[in-house]
Amino acid sequence: MLRAHRIKRLPAVNADGKLIDIISRANLLRVFVRPDTEITAEASAVLSEILLADPAAIRVTVDDSVVTLGGRLASQDRIDPAVRLTEAIDGLSQ
């Protein structure tokens, strides 16, 4: 919403309405920035635990918060769910 309305900063006020800080979009997005190794581990866990995919058969690489999946799943109908589950991980570049 901030981007859609071209808002770059928001005032943070206390209960009395007194300005206590200025919050930027970068401050808000920082909670989603995660190391590539952490994203790789979560993606691998999601695919093996939810799709019951063989971890040795799936290759998950993450570079600058962009995930690339490779390998083989038990059946082709698991490809779309694998992509959707991976896209739902917090911290990925869009």
Protein backbone atom coordinates (compact mmCIF):
# COMPACT_ATOMS: atom_id res chain seq x y z
CA MET A 1 0.00 0.00 0.00
CA LEU A 2 2.85 2.35 0.77
CA ARG A 3 4.31 1.93 -2.69
CA ALA A 4 0.90 2.25 -4.36
CA HIS A 5 0.30 5.56 -2.58
CA ARG A 6 3.92 6.70 -3.02
CA ILE A 7 4.45 6.97 0.71
CA LYS A 8 8.09 6.62 1.69
CA ARG A 9 7.90 7.37 5.41
CA LEU A 10 5.34 7.22 8.19
CA PRO A 11 5.30 9.11 11.47
CA ALA A 12 5.20 6.99 14.62
CA VAL A 13 3.35 8.70 17.45
CA ASN A 14 2.66 7.77 21.06
CA ALA A 15 -0.78 7.65 22.70
CA ASP A 16 -0.70 11.43 23.16
CA GLY A 17 -0.03 12.00 19.47
CA LYS A 18 3.56 13.09 20.07
CA LEU A 19 6.00 12.21 17.30
CA ILE A 20 8.46 9.58 18.54
CA ASP A 21 10.02 8.32 15.30
CA ILE A 22 9.85 8.24 11.52
CA ILE A 23 9.51 4.80 9.95
CA SER A 24 10.67 4.19 6.39
CA ARG A 25 9.58 1.47 4.00
CA ALA A 26 13.08 0.00 4.35
CA ASN A 27 12.57 -0.28 8.12
CA LEU A 28 9.36 -2.21 7.56
CA LEU A 29 10.86 -4.51 4.94
CA ARG A 30 13.97 -5.28 7.00
CA VAL A 31 12.04 -7.91 8.99
CA PHE A 32 11.68 -9.93 5.78
CA VAL A 33 15.34 -9.82 4.76
CA ARG A 34 16.81 -13.22 5.46
CA PRO A 35 20.11 -14.87 4.64
CA ASP A 36 20.09 -17.09 1.55
CA THR A 37 21.18 -20.06 3.68
CA GLU A 38 18.12 -19.67 5.91
CA ILE A 39 15.78 -19.48 2.90
CA THR A 40 17.46 -22.55 1.37
CA ALA A 41 16.95 -24.54 4.57
CA GLU A 42 13.28 -23.56 4.82
CA ALA A 43 12.56 -24.32 1.17
CA SER A 44 14.24 -27.72 1.44
CA ALA A 45 12.31 -28.52 4.62
CA VAL A 46 8.98 -27.45 3.13
CA LEU A 47 9.47 -29.57 0.02
CA SER A 48 10.56 -32.66 1.90
CA GLU A 49 8.06 -32.41 4.77
CA ILE A 50 4.92 -31.31 2.93
CA LEU A 51 5.43 -32.85 -0.51
CA LEU A 52 7.35 -35.82 0.93
CA ALA A 53 9.99 -35.16 -1.68
CA ASP A 54 13.31 -36.95 -1.45
CA PRO A 55 15.77 -34.24 -0.36
CA ALA A 56 18.51 -35.88 -2.43
CA ALA A 57 16.33 -35.61 -5.55
CA ILE A 58 15.60 -31.88 -5.24
CA ARG A 59 18.12 -29.08 -5.64
CA VAL A 60 17.29 -25.78 -3.96
CA THR A 61 19.59 -22.86 -4.64
CA VAL A 62 19.10 -19.32 -3.39
CA ASP A 63 21.01 -16.34 -4.70
CA ASP A 64 20.21 -12.86 -3.43
CA SER A 65 16.81 -14.07 -2.13
CA VAL A 66 15.85 -15.66 -5.48
CA VAL A 67 15.05 -19.37 -5.29
CA THR A 68 15.77 -21.83 -8.07
CA LEU A 69 14.40 -25.36 -7.86
CA GLY A 70 15.79 -28.31 -9.76
CA GLY A 71 15.67 -32.08 -9.70
CA ARG A 72 12.82 -34.57 -9.81
CA LEU A 73 9.61 -35.01 -7.87
CA ALA A 74 7.68 -38.26 -7.53
CA SER A 75 5.12 -37.02 -10.07
CA GLN A 76 4.63 -34.05 -12.37
CA ASP A 77 1.45 -32.97 -10.53
CA ARG A 78 3.63 -31.95 -7.56
CA ILE A 79 5.47 -29.25 -9.51
CA ASP A 80 2.85 -26.51 -9.10
CA PRO A 81 2.40 -27.16 -5.35
CA ALA A 82 6.20 -27.12 -4.94
CA VAL A 83 6.39 -23.74 -6.65
CA ARG A 84 3.47 -22.31 -4.62
CA LEU A 85 4.92 -23.54 -1.32
CA THR A 86 8.30 -22.08 -2.16
CA GLU A 87 6.83 -18.74 -3.26
CA ALA A 88 5.06 -18.45 0.13
CA ILE A 89 8.38 -18.34 2.03
CA ASP A 90 9.05 -14.97 3.66
CA GLY A 91 12.06 -13.04 2.48
CA LEU A 92 12.08 -13.84 -1.22
CA SER A 93 12.69 -11.22 -3.89
CA GLN A 94 9.68 -10.57 -6.05
